[in-house]
Amino acid sequence: MLYDNLPIFKSALNLVVYIETIVKGFDRYEKYGIGLDLRVYSKEILFLIQRANMAKERQKELEALRDKCEELKMLIRVAQELKAFKGLKQFAEVSKLTMAVVIQAQGWLKQTARISK
């Protein structure tokens, strides 16, 4: 497992664990609606990190990672609008964890773009 020491992987793993934890507390409707989407998207981010790390040409995988992170941010906002989170603290924490991944993904993408030029 060449990816488990990457800081972005650790950040994404923290995000997945946190999302899994808070979705358990969602109301039934949100748990199986927006909660399922949050769980799936956060896990897809982990998979994209692994794929990008193993790829010879990382640009395409990192762009997909960036896009998936943006989609997750939108889902988090929708969940907030639906009042799925049990409080502002949960929303703030999931937003903070997501932004940590987004910032690292953007940095990785910029670094890869510089190297490939």
PDB file of N, CA and C in Angstrom:
ATOM      1  N   MET A   1       0.836  -1.167   0.000  1.00  0.00           N
ATOM      2  CA  MET A   1       0.000   0.000   0.000  1.00  0.00           C
ATOM      3  C   MET A   1       0.891   1.244   0.000  1.00  0.00           C
ATOM      4  N   LEU A   2       1.171   1.741  -1.172  1.00  0.00           N
ATOM      5  CA  LEU A   2       2.059   2.870  -1.331  1.00  0.00           C
ATOM      6  C   LEU A   2       1.380   4.201  -1.044  1.00  0.00           C
ATOM      7  N   TYR A   3       0.101   4.203  -0.863  1.00  0.00           N
ATOM      8  CA  TYR A   3      -0.656   5.436  -0.709  1.00  0.00           C
ATOM      9  C   TYR A   3      -0.991   5.770   0.730  1.00  0.00           C
ATOM     10  N   ASP A   4      -0.894   4.816   1.634  1.00  0.00           N
ATOM     11  CA  ASP A   4      -1.372   5.054   3.000  1.00  0.00           C
ATOM     12  C   ASP A   4      -0.482   5.984   3.817  1.00  0.00           C
ATOM     13  N   ASN A   5       0.703   6.316   3.321  1.00  0.00           N
ATOM     14  CA  ASN A   5       1.550   7.286   4.004  1.00  0.00           C
ATOM     15  C   ASN A   5       1.385   8.697   3.456  1.00  0.00           C
ATOM     16  N   LEU A   6       0.598   8.860   2.414  1.00  0.00           N
ATOM     17  CA  LEU A   6       0.373  10.175   1.828  1.00  0.00           C
ATOM     18  C   LEU A   6      -0.484  11.028   2.771  1.00  0.00           C
ATOM     19  N   PRO A   7      -0.080  12.272   3.003  1.00  0.00           N
ATOM     20  CA  PRO A   7      -0.899  13.147   3.851  1.00  0.00           C
ATOM     21  C   PRO A   7      -2.323  13.326   3.322  1.00  0.00           C
ATOM     22  N   ILE A   8      -2.480  13.404   2.003  1.00  0.00           N
ATOM     23  CA  ILE A   8      -3.823  13.563   1.434  1.00  0.00           C
ATOM     24  C   ILE A   8      -4.671  12.322   1.699  1.00  0.00           C
ATOM     25  N   PHE A   9      -4.059  11.144   1.670  1.00  0.00           N
ATOM     26  CA  PHE A   9      -4.815   9.922   1.959  1.00  0.00           C
ATOM     27  C   PHE A   9      -5.271   9.919   3.414  1.00  0.00           C
ATOM     28  N   LYS A  10      -4.383  10.324   4.311  1.00  0.00           N
ATOM     29  CA  LYS A  10      -4.746  10.374   5.732  1.00  0.00           C
ATOM     30  C   LYS A  10      -5.875  11.367   5.973  1.00  0.00           C
ATOM     31  N   SER A  11      -5.797  12.520   5.312  1.00  0.00           N
ATOM     32  CA  SER A  11      -6.866  13.520   5.443  1.00  0.00           C
ATOM     33  C   SER A  11      -8.188  12.982   4.904  1.00  0.00           C
ATOM     34  N   ALA A  12      -8.134  12.323   3.756  1.00  0.00           N
ATOM     35  CA  ALA A  12      -9.347  11.765   3.150  1.00  0.00           C
ATOM     36  C   ALA A  12      -9.920  10.640   4.014  1.00  0.00           C
ATOM     37  N   LEU A  13      -9.061   9.846   4.608  1.00  0.00           N
ATOM     38  CA  LEU A  13      -9.520   8.772   5.491  1.00  0.00           C
ATOM     39  C   LEU A  13     -10.224   9.359   6.715  1.00  0.00           C
ATOM     40  N   ASN A  14      -9.665  10.424   7.277  1.00  0.00           N
ATOM     41  CA  ASN A  14     -10.323  11.107   8.400  1.00  0.00           C
ATOM     42  C   ASN A  14     -11.696  11.615   7.985  1.00  0.00           C
ATOM     43  N   LEU A  15     -11.787  12.131   6.765  1.00  0.00           N
ATOM     44  CA  LEU A  15     -13.063  12.624   6.246  1.00  0.00           C
ATOM     45  C   LEU A  15     -14.079  11.488   6.127  1.00  0.00           C
ATOM     46  N   VAL A  16     -13.657  10.364   5.571  1.00  0.00           N
ATOM     47  CA  VAL A  16     -14.559   9.213   5.418  1.00  0.00           C
ATOM     48  C   VAL A  16     -15.067   8.750   6.775  1.00  0.00           C
ATOM     49  N   VAL A  17     -14.168   8.614   7.728  1.00  0.00           N
ATOM     50  CA  VAL A  17     -14.554   8.143   9.063  1.00  0.00           C
ATOM     51  C   VAL A  17     -15.527   9.127   9.717  1.00  0.00           C
ATOM     52  N   TYR A  18     -15.252  10.413   9.571  1.00  0.00           N
ATOM     53  CA  TYR A  18     -16.146  11.401  10.172  1.00  0.00           C
ATOM     54  C   TYR A  18     -17.523  11.363   9.512  1.00  0.00           C
ATOM     55  N   ILE A  19     -17.550  11.287   8.203  1.00  0.00           N
ATOM     56  CA  ILE A  19     -18.843  11.226   7.505  1.00  0.00           C
ATOM     57  C   ILE A  19     -19.611   9.976   7.912  1.00  0.00           C
ATOM     58  N   GLU A  20     -18.942   8.845   7.989  1.00  0.00           N
ATOM     59  CA  GLU A  20     -19.616   7.614   8.415  1.00  0.00           C
ATOM     60  C   GLU A  20     -20.214   7.790   9.806  1.00  0.00           C
ATOM     61  N   THR A  21     -19.487   8.465  10.676  1.00  0.00           N
ATOM     62  CA  THR A  21     -19.940   8.669  12.051  1.00  0.00           C
ATOM     63  C   THR A  21     -21.163   9.577  12.114  1.00  0.00           C
ATOM     64  N   ILE A  22     -21.118  10.697  11.398  1.00  0.00           N
ATOM     65  CA  ILE A  22     -22.246  11.634  11.516  1.00  0.00           C
ATOM     66  C   ILE A  22     -23.489  11.160  10.774  1.00  0.00           C
ATOM     67  N   VAL A  23     -23.298  10.422   9.686  1.00  0.00           N
ATOM     68  CA  VAL A  23     -24.466   9.942   8.934  1.00  0.00           C
ATOM     69  C   VAL A  23     -25.291   8.973   9.785  1.00  0.00           C
ATOM     70  N   LYS A  24     -24.649   8.264  10.693  1.00  0.00           N
ATOM     71  CA  LYS A  24     -25.388   7.379  11.598  1.00  0.00           C
ATOM     72  C   LYS A  24     -26.448   8.134  12.385  1.00  0.00           C
ATOM     73  N   GLY A  25     -26.181   9.402  12.656  1.00  0.00           N
ATOM     74  CA  GLY A  25     -27.109  10.208  13.435  1.00  0.00           C
ATOM     75  C   GLY A  25     -28.144  10.962  12.613  1.00  0.00           C
ATOM     76  N   PHE A  26     -28.085  10.843  11.294  1.00  0.00           N
ATOM     77  CA  PHE A  26     -29.072  11.506  10.446  1.00  0.00           C
ATOM     78  C   PHE A  26     -30.442  10.866  10.641  1.00  0.00           C
ATOM     79  N   ASP A  27     -31.484  11.650  10.395  1.00  0.00           N
ATOM     80  CA  ASP A  27     -32.827  11.084  10.366  1.00  0.00           C
ATOM     81  C   ASP A  27     -32.897  10.056   9.244  1.00  0.00           C
ATOM     82  N   ARG A  28     -33.856   9.165   9.344  1.00  0.00           N
ATOM     83  CA  ARG A  28     -33.947   8.058   8.393  1.00  0.00           C
ATOM     84  C   ARG A  28     -33.955   8.522   6.937  1.00  0.00           C
ATOM     85  N   TYR A  29     -34.732   9.535   6.627  1.00  0.00           N
ATOM     86  CA  TYR A  29     -34.827  10.012   5.244  1.00  0.00           C
ATOM     87  C   TYR A  29     -33.474  10.513   4.748  1.00  0.00           C
ATOM     88  N   GLU A  30     -32.807  11.344   5.552  1.00  0.00           N
ATOM     89  CA  GLU A  30     -31.504  11.878   5.159  1.00  0.00           C
ATOM     90  C   GLU A  30     -30.427  10.802   5.148  1.00  0.00           C
ATOM     91  N   LYS A  31     -30.528   9.855   6.062  1.00  0.00           N
ATOM     92  CA  LYS A  31     -29.521   8.797   6.142  1.00  0.00           C
ATOM     93  C   LYS A  31     -29.448   8.001   4.840  1.00  0.00           C
ATOM     94  N   TYR A  32     -30.599   7.705   4.253  1.00  0.00           N
ATOM     95  CA  TYR A  32     -30.624   6.885   3.042  1.00  0.00           C
ATOM     96  C   TYR A  32     -30.702   7.712   1.763  1.00  0.00           C
ATOM     97  N   GLY A  33     -30.745   9.012   1.896  1.00  0.00           N
ATOM     98  CA  GLY A  33     -30.738   9.907   0.747  1.00  0.00           C
ATOM     99  C   GLY A  33     -29.386  10.591   0.650  1.00  0.00           C
ATOM    100  N   ILE A  34     -29.325  11.799   1.171  1.00  0.00           N
ATOM    101  CA  ILE A  34     -28.106  12.591   1.092  1.00  0.00           C
ATOM    102  C   ILE A  34     -26.958  11.945   1.875  1.00  0.00           C
ATOM    103  N   GLY A  35     -27.277  11.246   2.939  1.00  0.00           N
ATOM    104  CA  GLY A  35     -26.241  10.565   3.731  1.00  0.00           C
ATOM    105  C   GLY A  35     -25.521   9.491   2.928  1.00  0.00           C
ATOM    106  N   LEU A  36     -26.271   8.745   2.145  1.00  0.00           N
ATOM    107  CA  LEU A  36     -25.665   7.727   1.288  1.00  0.00           C
ATOM    108  C   LEU A  36     -24.750   8.371   0.260  1.00  0.00           C
ATOM    109  N   ASP A  37     -25.200   9.472  -0.329  1.00  0.00           N
ATOM    110  CA  ASP A  37     -24.367  10.178  -1.307  1.00  0.00           C
ATOM    111  C   ASP A  37     -23.066  10.669  -0.673  1.00  0.00           C
ATOM    112  N   LEU A  38     -23.152  11.238   0.522  1.00  0.00           N
ATOM    113  CA  LEU A  38     -21.951  11.708   1.217  1.00  0.00           C
ATOM    114  C   LEU A  38     -20.978  10.558   1.459  1.00  0.00           C
ATOM    115  N   ARG A  39     -21.515   9.421   1.872  1.00  0.00           N
ATOM    116  CA  ARG A  39     -20.665   8.259   2.146  1.00  0.00           C
ATOM    117  C   ARG A  39     -19.982   7.767   0.875  1.00  0.00           C
ATOM    118  N   VAL A  40     -20.737   7.669  -0.206  1.00  0.00           N
ATOM    119  CA  VAL A  40     -20.202   7.161  -1.470  1.00  0.00           C
ATOM    120  C   VAL A  40     -19.140   8.110  -2.028  1.00  0.00           C
ATOM    121  N   TYR A  41     -19.436   9.387  -2.060  1.00  0.00           N
ATOM    122  CA  TYR A  41     -18.492  10.357  -2.630  1.00  0.00           C
ATOM    123  C   TYR A  41     -17.199  10.418  -1.825  1.00  0.00           C
ATOM    124  N   SER A  42     -17.307  10.365  -0.510  1.00  0.00           N
ATOM    125  CA  SER A  42     -16.086  10.432   0.304  1.00  0.00           C
ATOM    126  C   SER A  42     -15.203   9.209   0.058  1.00  0.00           C
ATOM    127  N   LYS A  43     -15.808   8.062  -0.118  1.00  0.00           N
ATOM    128  CA  LYS A  43     -15.025   6.850  -0.401  1.00  0.00           C
ATOM    129  C   LYS A  43     -14.428   6.905  -1.803  1.00  0.00           C
ATOM    130  N   GLU A  44     -15.167   7.459  -2.746  1.00  0.00           N
ATOM    131  CA  GLU A  44     -14.634   7.588  -4.106  1.00  0.00           C
ATOM    132  C   GLU A  44     -13.386   8.473  -4.113  1.00  0.00           C
ATOM    133  N   ILE A  45     -13.352   9.469  -3.256  1.00  0.00           N
ATOM    134  CA  ILE A  45     -12.172  10.322  -3.143  1.00  0.00           C
ATOM    135  C   ILE A  45     -10.969   9.502  -2.705  1.00  0.00           C
ATOM    136  N   LEU A  46     -11.164   8.608  -1.745  1.00  0.00           N
ATOM    137  CA  LEU A  46     -10.068   7.714  -1.325  1.00  0.00           C
ATOM    138  C   LEU A  46      -9.560   6.880  -2.499  1.00  0.00           C
ATOM    139  N   PHE A  47     -10.482   6.337  -3.267  1.00  0.00           N
ATOM    140  CA  PHE A  47     -10.099   5.489  -4.401  1.00  0.00           C
ATOM    141  C   PHE A  47      -9.355   6.294  -5.462  1.00  0.00           C
ATOM    142  N   LEU A  48      -9.787   7.526  -5.687  1.00  0.00           N
ATOM    143  CA  LEU A  48      -9.117   8.374  -6.674  1.00  0.00           C
ATOM    144  C   LEU A  48      -7.703   8.737  -6.230  1.00  0.00           C
ATOM    145  N   ILE A  49      -7.508   8.918  -4.946  1.00  0.00           N
ATOM    146  CA  ILE A  49      -6.159   9.184  -4.432  1.00  0.00           C
ATOM    147  C   ILE A  49      -5.261   7.991  -4.711  1.00  0.00           C
ATOM    148  N   GLN A  50      -5.766   6.806  -4.455  1.00  0.00           N
ATOM    149  CA  GLN A  50      -4.978   5.596  -4.721  1.00  0.00           C
ATOM    150  C   GLN A  50      -4.658   5.469  -6.198  1.00  0.00           C
ATOM    151  N   ARG A  51      -5.649   5.713  -7.059  1.00  0.00           N
ATOM    152  CA  ARG A  51      -5.425   5.617  -8.503  1.00  0.00           C
ATOM    153  C   ARG A  51      -4.417   6.657  -8.983  1.00  0.00           C
ATOM    154  N   ALA A  52      -4.535   7.863  -8.481  1.00  0.00           N
ATOM    155  CA  ALA A  52      -3.608   8.926  -8.888  1.00  0.00           C
ATOM    156  C   ALA A  52      -2.183   8.594  -8.453  1.00  0.00           C
ATOM    157  N   ASN A  53      -2.056   8.044  -7.277  1.00  0.00           N
ATOM    158  CA  ASN A  53      -0.722   7.703  -6.776  1.00  0.00           C
ATOM    159  C   ASN A  53      -0.075   6.597  -7.595  1.00  0.00           C
ATOM    160  N   MET A  54      -0.859   5.702  -8.139  1.00  0.00           N
ATOM    161  CA  MET A  54      -0.320   4.571  -8.898  1.00  0.00           C
ATOM    162  C   MET A  54      -0.161   4.880 -10.391  1.00  0.00           C
ATOM    163  N   ALA A  55      -0.806   5.928 -10.870  1.00  0.00           N
ATOM    164  CA  ALA A  55      -0.804   6.235 -12.297  1.00  0.00           C
ATOM    165  C   ALA A  55       0.525   6.831 -12.747  1.00  0.00           C
ATOM    166  N   LYS A  56       0.924   6.456 -13.949  1.00  0.00           N
ATOM    167  CA  LYS A  56       2.120   7.050 -14.545  1.00  0.00           C
ATOM    168  C   LYS A  56       1.819   8.481 -14.986  1.00  0.00           C
ATOM    169  N   GLU A  57       0.646   8.686 -15.571  1.00  0.00           N
ATOM    170  CA  GLU A  57       0.180  10.006 -15.968  1.00  0.00           C
ATOM    171  C   GLU A  57      -0.905  10.422 -14.974  1.00  0.00           C
ATOM    172  N   ARG A  58      -0.544  11.228 -14.013  1.00  0.00           N
ATOM    173  CA  ARG A  58      -1.445  11.551 -12.911  1.00  0.00           C
ATOM    174  C   ARG A  58      -2.444  12.655 -13.219  1.00  0.00           C
ATOM    175  N   GLN A  59      -2.186  13.444 -14.223  1.00  0.00           N
ATOM    176  CA  GLN A  59      -2.998  14.636 -14.489  1.00  0.00           C
ATOM    177  C   GLN A  59      -4.491  14.316 -14.554  1.00  0.00           C
ATOM    178  N   LYS A  60      -4.857  13.318 -15.339  1.00  0.00           N
ATOM    179  CA  LYS A  60      -6.271  12.971 -15.520  1.00  0.00           C
ATOM    180  C   LYS A  60      -6.901  12.510 -14.205  1.00  0.00           C
ATOM    181  N   GLU A  61      -6.196  11.675 -13.468  1.00  0.00           N
ATOM    182  CA  GLU A  61      -6.717  11.171 -12.188  1.00  0.00           C
ATOM    183  C   GLU A  61      -6.859  12.294 -11.172  1.00  0.00           C
ATOM    184  N   LEU A  62      -5.899  13.217 -11.154  1.00  0.00           N
ATOM    185  CA  LEU A  62      -5.960  14.331 -10.209  1.00  0.00           C
ATOM    186  C   LEU A  62      -7.074  15.314 -10.563  1.00  0.00           C
ATOM    187  N   GLU A  63      -7.333  15.472 -11.849  1.00  0.00           N
ATOM    188  CA  GLU A  63      -8.466  16.311 -12.250  1.00  0.00           C
ATOM    189  C   GLU A  63      -9.782  15.668 -11.811  1.00  0.00           C
ATOM    190  N   ALA A  64      -9.871  14.352 -11.934  1.00  0.00           N
ATOM    191  CA  ALA A  64     -11.070  13.640 -11.466  1.00  0.00           C
ATOM    192  C   ALA A  64     -11.204  13.772  -9.944  1.00  0.00           C
ATOM    193  N   LEU A  65     -10.082  13.708  -9.232  1.00  0.00           N
ATOM    194  CA  LEU A  65     -10.087  13.881  -7.782  1.00  0.00           C
ATOM    195  C   LEU A  65     -10.582  15.277  -7.414  1.00  0.00           C
ATOM    196  N   ARG A  66     -10.066  16.289  -8.101  1.00  0.00           N
ATOM    197  CA  ARG A  66     -10.493  17.667  -7.850  1.00  0.00           C
ATOM    198  C   ARG A  66     -11.998  17.819  -8.078  1.00  0.00           C
ATOM    199  N   ASP A  67     -12.478  17.249  -9.174  1.00  0.00           N
ATOM    200  CA  ASP A  67     -13.903  17.338  -9.501  1.00  0.00           C
ATOM    201  C   ASP A  67     -14.766  16.630  -8.454  1.00  0.00           C
ATOM    202  N   LYS A  68     -14.325  15.467  -8.014  1.00  0.00           N
ATOM    203  CA  LYS A  68     -15.080  14.717  -7.012  1.00  0.00           C
ATOM    204  C   LYS A  68     -15.116  15.475  -5.683  1.00  0.00           C
ATOM    205  N   CYS A  69     -14.030  16.132  -5.338  1.00  0.00           N
ATOM    206  CA  CYS A  69     -13.996  16.950  -4.118  1.00  0.00           C
ATOM    207  C   CYS A  69     -14.992  18.104  -4.211  1.00  0.00           C
ATOM    208  N   GLU A  70     -15.053  18.735  -5.363  1.00  0.00           N
ATOM    209  CA  GLU A  70     -16.002  19.835  -5.556  1.00  0.00           C
ATOM    210  C   GLU A  70     -17.442  19.332  -5.460  1.00  0.00           C
ATOM    211  N   GLU A  71     -17.700  18.157  -6.012  1.00  0.00           N
ATOM    212  CA  GLU A  71     -19.036  17.573  -5.929  1.00  0.00           C
ATOM    213  C   GLU A  71     -19.401  17.265  -4.476  1.00  0.00           C
ATOM    214  N   LEU A  72     -18.426  16.762  -3.706  1.00  0.00           N
ATOM    215  CA  LEU A  72     -18.674  16.483  -2.296  1.00  0.00           C
ATOM    216  C   LEU A  72     -18.984  17.776  -1.540  1.00  0.00           C
ATOM    217  N   LYS A  73     -18.262  18.847  -1.858  1.00  0.00           N
ATOM    218  CA  LYS A  73     -18.542  20.134  -1.222  1.00  0.00           C
ATOM    219  C   LYS A  73     -19.978  20.565  -1.491  1.00  0.00           C
ATOM    220  N   MET A  74     -20.448  20.353  -2.716  1.00  0.00           N
ATOM    221  CA  MET A  74     -21.834  20.705  -3.045  1.00  0.00           C
ATOM    222  C   MET A  74     -22.819  19.848  -2.257  1.00  0.00           C
ATOM    223  N   LEU A  75     -22.539  18.558  -2.137  1.00  0.00           N
ATOM    224  CA  LEU A  75     -23.423  17.679  -1.366  1.00  0.00           C
ATOM    225  C   LEU A  75     -23.473  18.088   0.105  1.00  0.00           C
ATOM    226  N   ILE A  76     -22.335  18.502   0.633  1.00  0.00           N
ATOM    227  CA  ILE A  76     -22.302  18.953   2.023  1.00  0.00           C
ATOM    228  C   ILE A  76     -23.182  20.189   2.189  1.00  0.00           C
ATOM    229  N   ARG A  77     -23.109  21.068   1.220  1.00  0.00           N
ATOM    230  CA  ARG A  77     -23.948  22.277   1.270  1.00  0.00           C
ATOM    231  C   ARG A  77     -25.424  21.908   1.185  1.00  0.00           C
ATOM    232  N   VAL A  78     -25.767  20.971   0.317  1.00  0.00           N
ATOM    233  CA  VAL A  78     -27.165  20.528   0.208  1.00  0.00           C
ATOM    234  C   VAL A  78     -27.619  19.920   1.534  1.00  0.00           C
ATOM    235  N   ALA A  79     -26.762  19.094   2.134  1.00  0.00           N
ATOM    236  CA  ALA A  79     -27.101  18.481   3.422  1.00  0.00           C
ATOM    237  C   ALA A  79     -27.335  19.553   4.482  1.00  0.00           C
ATOM    238  N   GLN A  80     -26.537  20.600   4.450  1.00  0.00           N
ATOM    239  CA  GLN A  80     -26.728  21.708   5.396  1.00  0.00           C
ATOM    240  C   GLN A  80     -28.073  22.391   5.154  1.00  0.00           C
ATOM    241  N   GLU A  81     -28.405  22.623   3.902  1.00  0.00           N
ATOM    242  CA  GLU A  81     -29.685  23.265   3.570  1.00  0.00           C
ATOM    243  C   GLU A  81     -30.869  22.389   3.988  1.00  0.00           C
ATOM    244  N   LEU A  82     -30.690  21.075   3.903  1.00  0.00           N
ATOM    245  CA  LEU A  82     -31.744  20.139   4.308  1.00  0.00           C
ATOM    246  C   LEU A  82     -31.801  19.939   5.819  1.00  0.00           C
ATOM    247  N   LYS A  83     -30.855  20.547   6.513  1.00  0.00           N
ATOM    248  CA  LYS A  83     -30.750  20.418   7.973  1.00  0.00           C
ATOM    249  C   LYS A  83     -30.509  18.976   8.408  1.00  0.00           C
ATOM    250  N   ALA A  84     -29.713  18.273   7.606  1.00  0.00           N
ATOM    251  CA  ALA A  84     -29.386  16.884   7.927  1.00  0.00           C
ATOM    252  C   ALA A  84     -28.393  16.798   9.087  1.00  0.00           C
ATOM    253  N   PHE A  85     -27.485  17.764   9.172  1.00  0.00           N
ATOM    254  CA  PHE A  85     -26.508  17.754  10.252  1.00  0.00           C
ATOM    255  C   PHE A  85     -27.197  18.097  11.566  1.00  0.00           C
ATOM    256  N   LYS A  86     -26.715  17.513  12.641  1.00  0.00           N
ATOM    257  CA  LYS A  86     -27.334  17.723  13.954  1.00  0.00           C
ATOM    258  C   LYS A  86     -26.991  19.077  14.561  1.00  0.00           C
ATOM    259  N   GLY A  87     -26.117  19.792  13.925  1.00  0.00           N
ATOM    260  CA  GLY A  87     -25.780  21.122  14.416  1.00  0.00           C
ATOM    261  C   GLY A  87     -24.727  21.758  13.541  1.00  0.00           C
ATOM    262  N   LEU A  88     -24.458  23.005  13.825  1.00  0.00           N
ATOM    263  CA  LEU A  88     -23.468  23.748  13.059  1.00  0.00           C
ATOM    264  C   LEU A  88     -22.065  23.169  13.245  1.00  0.00           C
ATOM    265  N   LYS A  89     -21.821  22.578  14.409  1.00  0.00           N
ATOM    266  CA  LYS A  89     -20.500  21.990  14.689  1.00  0.00           C
ATOM    267  C   LYS A  89     -20.181  20.864  13.698  1.00  0.00           C
ATOM    268  N   GLN A  90     -21.142  20.000  13.414  1.00  0.00           N
ATOM    269  CA  GLN A  90     -20.925  18.913  12.453  1.00  0.00           C
ATOM    270  C   GLN A  90     -20.652  19.470  11.064  1.00  0.00           C
ATOM    271  N   PHE A  91     -21.432  20.451  10.654  1.00  0.00           N
ATOM    272  CA  PHE A  91     -21.235  21.063   9.350  1.00  0.00           C
ATOM    273  C   PHE A  91     -19.852  21.704   9.261  1.00  0.00           C
ATOM    274  N   ALA A  92     -19.461  22.416  10.285  1.00  0.00           N
ATOM    275  CA  ALA A  92     -18.156  23.079  10.292  1.00  0.00           C
ATOM    276  C   ALA A  92     -17.022  22.065  10.219  1.00  0.00           C
ATOM    277  N   GLU A  93     -17.141  20.984  10.962  1.00  0.00           N
ATOM    278  CA  GLU A  93     -16.078  19.970  10.978  1.00  0.00           C
ATOM    279  C   GLU A  93     -15.967  19.243   9.650  1.00  0.00           C
ATOM    280  N   VAL A  94     -17.084  18.849   9.068  1.00  0.00           N
ATOM    281  CA  VAL A  94     -17.035  18.144   7.785  1.00  0.00           C
ATOM    282  C   VAL A  94     -16.529  19.085   6.695  1.00  0.00           C
ATOM    283  N   SER A  95     -16.867  20.359   6.785  1.00  0.00           N
ATOM    284  CA  SER A  95     -16.364  21.338   5.825  1.00  0.00           C
ATOM    285  C   SER A  95     -14.860  21.503   5.967  1.00  0.00           C
ATOM    286  N   LYS A  96     -14.379  21.573   7.194  1.00  0.00           N
ATOM    287  CA  LYS A  96     -12.935  21.716   7.462  1.00  0.00           C
ATOM    288  C   LYS A  96     -12.165  20.504   6.936  1.00  0.00           C
ATOM    289  N   LEU A  97     -12.661  19.314   7.201  1.00  0.00           N
ATOM    290  CA  LEU A  97     -11.999  18.095   6.730  1.00  0.00           C
ATOM    291  C   LEU A  97     -11.998  18.019   5.211  1.00  0.00           C
ATOM    292  N   THR A  98     -13.099  18.420   4.596  1.00  0.00           N
ATOM    293  CA  THR A  98     -13.190  18.410   3.137  1.00  0.00           C
ATOM    294  C   THR A  98     -12.212  19.406   2.528  1.00  0.00           C
ATOM    295  N   MET A  99     -12.141  20.592   3.099  1.00  0.00           N
ATOM    296  CA  MET A  99     -11.231  21.611   2.569  1.00  0.00           C
ATOM    297  C   MET A  99      -9.772  21.181   2.704  1.00  0.00           C
ATOM    298  N   ALA A 100      -9.444  20.440   3.733  1.00  0.00           N
ATOM    299  CA  ALA A 100      -8.077  19.934   3.881  1.00  0.00           C
ATOM    300  C   ALA A 100      -7.717  19.032   2.703  1.00  0.00           C
ATOM    301  N   VAL A 101      -8.645  18.198   2.289  1.00  0.00           N
ATOM    302  CA  VAL A 101      -8.423  17.314   1.146  1.00  0.00           C
ATOM    303  C   VAL A 101      -8.360  18.125  -0.142  1.00  0.00           C
ATOM    304  N   VAL A 102      -9.271  19.084  -0.304  1.00  0.00           N
ATOM    305  CA  VAL A 102      -9.324  19.906  -1.509  1.00  0.00           C
ATOM    306  C   VAL A 102      -8.013  20.662  -1.708  1.00  0.00           C
ATOM    307  N   ILE A 103      -7.524  21.274  -0.658  1.00  0.00           N
ATOM    308  CA  ILE A 103      -6.280  22.052  -0.745  1.00  0.00           C
ATOM    309  C   ILE A 103      -5.107  21.162  -1.142  1.00  0.00           C
ATOM    310  N   GLN A 104      -5.025  19.984  -0.544  1.00  0.00           N
ATOM    311  CA  GLN A 104      -3.938  19.062  -0.885  1.00  0.00           C
ATOM    312  C   GLN A 104      -4.075  18.543  -2.314  1.00  0.00           C
ATOM    313  N   ALA A 105      -5.302  18.278  -2.745  1.00  0.00           N
ATOM    314  CA  ALA A 105      -5.527  17.796  -4.116  1.00  0.00           C
ATOM    315  C   ALA A 105      -5.132  18.867  -5.131  1.00  0.00           C
ATOM    316  N   GLN A 106      -5.484  20.115  -4.854  1.00  0.00           N
ATOM    317  CA  GLN A 106      -5.120  21.197  -5.760  1.00  0.00           C
ATOM    318  C   GLN A 106      -3.602  21.386  -5.817  1.00  0.00           C
ATOM    319  N   GLY A 107      -2.964  21.268  -4.672  1.00  0.00           N
ATOM    320  CA  GLY A 107      -1.508  21.370  -4.642  1.00  0.00           C
ATOM    321  C   GLY A 107      -0.846  20.254  -5.425  1.00  0.00           C
ATOM    322  N   TRP A 108      -1.350  19.054  -5.281  1.00  0.00           N
ATOM    323  CA  TRP A 108      -0.811  17.895  -5.996  1.00  0.00           C
ATOM    324  C   TRP A 108      -1.002  18.078  -7.501  1.00  0.00           C
ATOM    325  N   LEU A 109      -2.171  18.581  -7.886  1.00  0.00           N
ATOM    326  CA  LEU A 109      -2.459  18.824  -9.294  1.00  0.00           C
ATOM    327  C   LEU A 109      -1.522  19.889  -9.870  1.00  0.00           C
ATOM    328  N   LYS A 110      -1.314  20.979  -9.150  1.00  0.00           N
ATOM    329  CA  LYS A 110      -0.405  22.033  -9.613  1.00  0.00           C
ATOM    330  C   LYS A 110       1.024  21.510  -9.738  1.00  0.00           C
ATOM    331  N   GLN A 111       1.451  20.729  -8.773  1.00  0.00           N
ATOM    332  CA  GLN A 111       2.805  20.167  -8.807  1.00  0.00           C
ATOM    333  C   GLN A 111       2.966  19.243 -10.012  1.00  0.00           C
ATOM    334  N   THR A 112       1.969  18.429 -10.269  1.00  0.00           N
ATOM    335  CA  THR A 112       2.020  17.516 -11.406  1.00  0.00           C
ATOM    336  C   THR A 112       2.027  18.283 -12.719  1.00  0.00           C
ATOM    337  N   ALA A 113       1.259  19.341 -12.797  1.00  0.00           N
ATOM    338  CA  ALA A 113       1.199  20.157 -14.017  1.00  0.00           C
ATOM    339  C   ALA A 113       2.568  20.809 -14.297  1.00  0.00           C
ATOM    340  N   ARG A 114       3.240  21.268 -13.234  1.00  0.00           N
ATOM    341  CA  ARG A 114       4.569  21.876 -13.408  1.00  0.00           C
ATOM    342  C   ARG A 114       5.589  20.857 -13.890  1.00  0.00           C
ATOM    343  N   ILE A 115       5.530  19.661 -13.335  1.00  0.00           N
ATOM    344  CA  ILE A 115       6.485  18.606 -13.686  1.00  0.00           C
ATOM    345  C   ILE A 115       6.296  18.154 -15.124  1.00  0.00           C
ATOM    346  N   SER A 116       5.033  18.085 -15.572  1.00  0.00           N
ATOM    347  CA  SER A 116       4.765  17.568 -16.925  1.00  0.00           C
ATOM    348  C   SER A 116       5.049  18.592 -18.017  1.00  0.00           C
ATOM    349  N   LYS A 117       5.312  19.839 -17.654  1.00  0.00           N
ATOM    350  CA  LYS A 117       5.599  20.863 -18.677  1.00  0.00           C
ATOM    351  C   LYS A 117       7.017  20.786 -19.171  1.00  0.00           C
TER     352      LYS A 117
END
